[in-house]
Amino acid sequence: MAEVKVDRVLVQGTVTFTVRCNDLMGMVTPEQAADEDFMKDWFEDKAFKIIDSADVEVEYDNEVPVLISEETAQKHTDQVISDDDWIEIRLEHQANEESA
């Protein structure tokens, strides 16, 4: 029985978040201010919260239709993939195109 092939689209984009230094201001106790580990965690936590309201710019750069196995599609659909995954998917697509 032949393996099921499905259509998917490889997409690539860029998202840029801008958080201004002045956005990261607050007030803590003197003991907290003296605790470097606490302050790093505090600023990181506040920065992540600010990202939700940050200026965001999205660029949609690339769109590559591919014909791949159902297994590969289930593994990668709706996931961020690595460069190696991208290459493997393209190679699988090329092999499927050649055998069609």
N, C-alpha and C. Protein backbone atom coordinates (compact mmCIF):
# COMPACT_ATOMS: atom_id res chain seq x y z
N MET A 1 0.84 -1.18 0.00
CA MET A 1 0.00 0.00 0.00
C MET A 1 0.89 1.25 0.00
N ALA A 2 0.58 2.19 -0.85
CA ALA A 2 1.39 3.40 -0.98
C ALA A 2 1.21 4.32 0.23
N GLU A 3 2.30 4.98 0.57
CA GLU A 3 2.26 5.92 1.68
C GLU A 3 1.43 7.14 1.29
N VAL A 4 0.62 7.64 2.22
CA VAL A 4 -0.24 8.79 1.96
C VAL A 4 0.63 10.05 1.90
N LYS A 5 0.42 10.84 0.88
CA LYS A 5 1.12 12.12 0.73
C LYS A 5 0.13 13.25 0.96
N VAL A 6 0.58 14.32 1.60
CA VAL A 6 -0.29 15.46 1.89
C VAL A 6 0.39 16.76 1.47
N ASP A 7 -0.41 17.76 1.19
CA ASP A 7 0.11 19.08 0.83
C ASP A 7 0.26 19.93 2.07
N ARG A 8 1.38 20.61 2.16
CA ARG A 8 1.63 21.60 3.21
C ARG A 8 2.39 22.74 2.57
N VAL A 9 2.56 23.83 3.30
CA VAL A 9 3.31 24.98 2.80
C VAL A 9 4.33 25.37 3.86
N LEU A 10 5.61 25.36 3.47
CA LEU A 10 6.66 25.88 4.35
C LEU A 10 6.57 27.40 4.32
N VAL A 11 6.55 28.02 5.48
CA VAL A 11 6.48 29.48 5.55
C VAL A 11 7.65 30.00 6.37
N GLN A 12 8.04 31.23 6.08
CA GLN A 12 9.15 31.84 6.79
C GLN A 12 8.82 33.31 6.99
N GLY A 13 9.11 33.81 8.17
CA GLY A 13 8.83 35.21 8.45
C GLY A 13 9.72 35.75 9.54
N THR A 14 9.58 37.02 9.80
CA THR A 14 10.34 37.70 10.83
C THR A 14 9.38 38.50 11.69
N VAL A 15 9.55 38.41 12.99
CA VAL A 15 8.76 39.22 13.92
C VAL A 15 9.74 40.02 14.76
N THR A 16 9.55 41.32 14.81
CA THR A 16 10.43 42.20 15.57
C THR A 16 9.63 42.86 16.68
N PHE A 17 10.10 42.72 17.91
CA PHE A 17 9.49 43.37 19.06
C PHE A 17 10.38 44.53 19.47
N THR A 18 9.76 45.66 19.79
CA THR A 18 10.51 46.80 20.26
C THR A 18 10.04 47.14 21.67
N VAL A 19 10.98 47.06 22.62
CA VAL A 19 10.71 47.45 23.99
C VAL A 19 11.71 48.55 24.32
N ARG A 20 11.21 49.70 24.70
CA ARG A 20 12.08 50.83 25.01
C ARG A 20 12.63 50.71 26.43
N CYS A 21 13.86 51.17 26.62
CA CYS A 21 14.49 51.08 27.94
C CYS A 21 13.64 51.73 29.01
N ASN A 22 13.02 52.86 28.70
CA ASN A 22 12.22 53.56 29.70
C ASN A 22 10.97 52.79 30.09
N ASP A 23 10.60 51.78 29.28
CA ASP A 23 9.46 50.94 29.62
C ASP A 23 9.77 50.03 30.80
N LEU A 24 11.05 49.79 31.06
CA LEU A 24 11.45 48.89 32.13
C LEU A 24 11.85 49.69 33.37
N MET A 25 10.87 50.32 33.96
CA MET A 25 11.09 51.06 35.20
C MET A 25 10.13 50.52 36.25
N GLY A 26 10.51 50.60 37.49
CA GLY A 26 9.64 50.14 38.55
C GLY A 26 10.17 50.55 39.90
N MET A 27 9.60 49.97 40.93
CA MET A 27 10.03 50.25 42.29
C MET A 27 10.07 48.95 43.06
N VAL A 28 11.17 48.74 43.78
CA VAL A 28 11.34 47.55 44.61
C VAL A 28 11.87 47.98 45.96
N THR A 29 11.92 47.03 46.88
CA THR A 29 12.48 47.33 48.20
C THR A 29 14.00 47.41 48.10
N PRO A 30 14.65 48.06 49.06
CA PRO A 30 16.12 48.10 49.05
C PRO A 30 16.75 46.70 49.07
N GLU A 31 16.12 45.77 49.78
CA GLU A 31 16.64 44.40 49.84
C GLU A 31 16.55 43.74 48.46
N GLN A 32 15.45 43.95 47.77
CA GLN A 32 15.29 43.39 46.43
C GLN A 32 16.30 44.01 45.47
N ALA A 33 16.49 45.32 45.56
CA ALA A 33 17.43 46.02 44.67
C ALA A 33 18.86 45.53 44.88
N ALA A 34 19.18 45.10 46.09
CA ALA A 34 20.53 44.61 46.40
C ALA A 34 20.73 43.15 45.95
N ASP A 35 19.66 42.47 45.63
CA ASP A 35 19.73 41.06 45.23
C ASP A 35 19.78 40.97 43.71
N GLU A 36 20.98 40.76 43.16
CA GLU A 36 21.18 40.78 41.70
C GLU A 36 20.34 39.71 41.01
N ASP A 37 20.28 38.50 41.56
CA ASP A 37 19.48 37.44 40.94
C ASP A 37 18.00 37.81 40.92
N PHE A 38 17.52 38.36 42.03
CA PHE A 38 16.12 38.79 42.08
C PHE A 38 15.84 39.84 41.01
N MET A 39 16.74 40.82 40.88
CA MET A 39 16.52 41.92 39.94
C MET A 39 16.55 41.42 38.49
N LYS A 40 17.45 40.49 38.17
CA LYS A 40 17.47 39.94 36.81
C LYS A 40 16.15 39.25 36.50
N ASP A 41 15.68 38.43 37.45
CA ASP A 41 14.39 37.76 37.26
C ASP A 41 13.25 38.76 37.16
N TRP A 42 13.31 39.80 37.99
CA TRP A 42 12.26 40.82 38.01
C TRP A 42 12.18 41.53 36.66
N PHE A 43 13.35 41.97 36.15
CA PHE A 43 13.34 42.67 34.85
C PHE A 43 12.92 41.73 33.72
N GLU A 44 13.37 40.48 33.76
CA GLU A 44 12.97 39.53 32.73
C GLU A 44 11.45 39.34 32.73
N ASP A 45 10.89 39.15 33.91
CA ASP A 45 9.45 38.97 34.04
C ASP A 45 8.70 40.18 33.50
N LYS A 46 9.13 41.37 33.88
CA LYS A 46 8.46 42.59 33.42
C LYS A 46 8.61 42.77 31.92
N ALA A 47 9.79 42.42 31.38
CA ALA A 47 10.01 42.55 29.93
C ALA A 47 9.07 41.64 29.15
N PHE A 48 8.91 40.40 29.61
CA PHE A 48 7.98 39.49 28.92
C PHE A 48 6.56 40.01 28.97
N LYS A 49 6.17 40.62 30.07
CA LYS A 49 4.83 41.19 30.16
C LYS A 49 4.67 42.37 29.21
N ILE A 50 5.73 43.16 29.06
CA ILE A 50 5.69 44.32 28.16
C ILE A 50 5.60 43.88 26.70
N ILE A 51 6.23 42.75 26.37
CA ILE A 51 6.20 42.27 24.99
C ILE A 51 4.76 42.11 24.50
N ASP A 52 3.86 41.71 25.40
CA ASP A 52 2.46 41.57 25.01
C ASP A 52 1.88 42.88 24.47
N SER A 53 2.40 44.02 24.93
CA SER A 53 1.88 45.31 24.47
C SER A 53 2.92 46.08 23.65
N ALA A 54 4.00 45.42 23.26
CA ALA A 54 5.07 46.08 22.52
C ALA A 54 4.65 46.37 21.08
N ASP A 55 5.39 47.28 20.46
CA ASP A 55 5.22 47.51 19.03
C ASP A 55 5.72 46.26 18.31
N VAL A 56 4.93 45.75 17.38
CA VAL A 56 5.28 44.52 16.69
C VAL A 56 5.22 44.75 15.19
N GLU A 57 6.23 44.26 14.52
CA GLU A 57 6.27 44.31 13.06
C GLU A 57 6.48 42.89 12.56
N VAL A 58 5.65 42.45 11.63
CA VAL A 58 5.73 41.10 11.10
C VAL A 58 5.98 41.17 9.60
N GLU A 59 6.96 40.41 9.14
CA GLU A 59 7.25 40.29 7.72
C GLU A 59 7.08 38.83 7.34
N TYR A 60 6.31 38.59 6.30
CA TYR A 60 6.05 37.24 5.80
C TYR A 60 6.87 37.09 4.54
N ASP A 61 8.00 36.36 4.63
CA ASP A 61 9.02 36.40 3.60
C ASP A 61 8.96 35.28 2.56
N ASN A 62 8.47 34.12 2.93
CA ASN A 62 8.67 32.98 2.08
C ASN A 62 7.49 32.02 2.18
N GLU A 63 7.16 31.40 1.08
CA GLU A 63 6.06 30.44 1.04
C GLU A 63 6.41 29.38 0.01
N VAL A 64 6.60 28.13 0.47
CA VAL A 64 7.04 27.06 -0.42
C VAL A 64 6.09 25.87 -0.29
N PRO A 65 5.21 25.63 -1.28
CA PRO A 65 4.33 24.46 -1.23
C PRO A 65 5.16 23.18 -1.30
N VAL A 66 4.80 22.17 -0.49
CA VAL A 66 5.51 20.90 -0.49
C VAL A 66 4.52 19.74 -0.44
N LEU A 67 4.93 18.62 -1.02
CA LEU A 67 4.17 17.37 -0.96
C LEU A 67 4.99 16.41 -0.12
N ILE A 68 4.48 16.07 1.08
CA ILE A 68 5.25 15.28 2.03
C ILE A 68 4.39 14.16 2.61
N SER A 69 5.05 13.26 3.33
CA SER A 69 4.32 12.16 3.95
C SER A 69 3.42 12.68 5.06
N GLU A 70 2.37 11.92 5.33
CA GLU A 70 1.46 12.29 6.40
C GLU A 70 2.21 12.32 7.74
N GLU A 71 3.14 11.40 7.91
CA GLU A 71 3.93 11.34 9.15
C GLU A 71 4.74 12.63 9.35
N THR A 72 5.43 13.07 8.30
CA THR A 72 6.20 14.31 8.38
C THR A 72 5.28 15.49 8.64
N ALA A 73 4.14 15.51 7.96
CA ALA A 73 3.18 16.61 8.15
C ALA A 73 2.68 16.67 9.59
N GLN A 74 2.36 15.51 10.17
CA GLN A 74 1.86 15.49 11.55
C GLN A 74 2.94 15.94 12.53
N LYS A 75 4.18 15.60 12.23
CA LYS A 75 5.29 15.97 13.11
C LYS A 75 5.56 17.47 13.11
N HIS A 76 5.40 18.13 11.96
CA HIS A 76 5.86 19.51 11.84
C HIS A 76 4.77 20.57 11.67
N THR A 77 3.53 20.19 11.33
CA THR A 77 2.49 21.18 11.08
C THR A 77 2.23 22.00 12.35
N ASP A 78 2.16 23.32 12.20
CA ASP A 78 1.93 24.28 13.28
C ASP A 78 3.08 24.36 14.28
N GLN A 79 4.27 23.94 13.88
CA GLN A 79 5.45 24.02 14.74
C GLN A 79 6.48 24.95 14.10
N VAL A 80 7.30 25.57 14.92
CA VAL A 80 8.47 26.28 14.41
C VAL A 80 9.51 25.20 14.13
N ILE A 81 10.12 25.25 12.95
CA ILE A 81 11.07 24.21 12.57
C ILE A 81 12.48 24.79 12.43
N SER A 82 13.48 23.91 12.51
CA SER A 82 14.87 24.31 12.39
C SER A 82 15.28 24.37 10.91
N ASP A 83 16.46 24.92 10.67
CA ASP A 83 17.01 24.92 9.30
C ASP A 83 17.15 23.49 8.78
N ASP A 84 17.62 22.58 9.66
CA ASP A 84 17.78 21.18 9.25
C ASP A 84 16.44 20.55 8.88
N ASP A 85 15.39 20.85 9.68
CA ASP A 85 14.05 20.33 9.36
C ASP A 85 13.60 20.86 8.00
N TRP A 86 13.80 22.16 7.76
CA TRP A 86 13.42 22.80 6.50
C TRP A 86 14.07 22.07 5.33
N ILE A 87 15.37 21.80 5.46
CA ILE A 87 16.11 21.12 4.38
C ILE A 87 15.58 19.71 4.18
N GLU A 88 15.37 18.97 5.27
CA GLU A 88 14.85 17.60 5.16
C GLU A 88 13.47 17.58 4.50
N ILE A 89 12.62 18.51 4.85
CA ILE A 89 11.27 18.58 4.25
C ILE A 89 11.37 18.88 2.77
N ARG A 90 12.26 19.81 2.40
CA ARG A 90 12.45 20.13 0.98
C ARG A 90 12.96 18.91 0.20
N LEU A 91 13.91 18.18 0.82
CA LEU A 91 14.44 16.98 0.16
C LEU A 91 13.36 15.91 0.00
N GLU A 92 12.53 15.73 1.04
CA GLU A 92 11.43 14.76 0.94
C GLU A 92 10.47 15.18 -0.17
N HIS A 93 10.17 16.46 -0.24
CA HIS A 93 9.28 16.97 -1.28
C HIS A 93 9.86 16.69 -2.68
N GLN A 94 11.15 16.97 -2.84
CA GLN A 94 11.79 16.74 -4.14
C GLN A 94 11.73 15.26 -4.52
N ALA A 95 11.96 14.38 -3.56
CA ALA A 95 11.89 12.94 -3.83
C ALA A 95 10.46 12.55 -4.22
N ASN A 96 9.47 13.11 -3.56
CA ASN A 96 8.07 12.80 -3.89
C ASN A 96 7.71 13.33 -5.28
N GLU A 97 8.21 14.50 -5.62
CA GLU A 97 7.94 15.06 -6.95
C GLU A 97 8.57 14.19 -8.05
N GLU A 98 9.78 13.70 -7.81
CA GLU A 98 10.48 12.90 -8.79
C GLU A 98 9.81 11.53 -8.99
N SER A 99 9.20 10.99 -7.91
CA SER A 99 8.58 9.67 -8.02
C SER A 99 7.13 9.73 -8.49
N ALA A 100 6.60 10.95 -8.63
CA ALA A 100 5.19 11.10 -9.06
C ALA A 100 5.06 10.96 -10.55
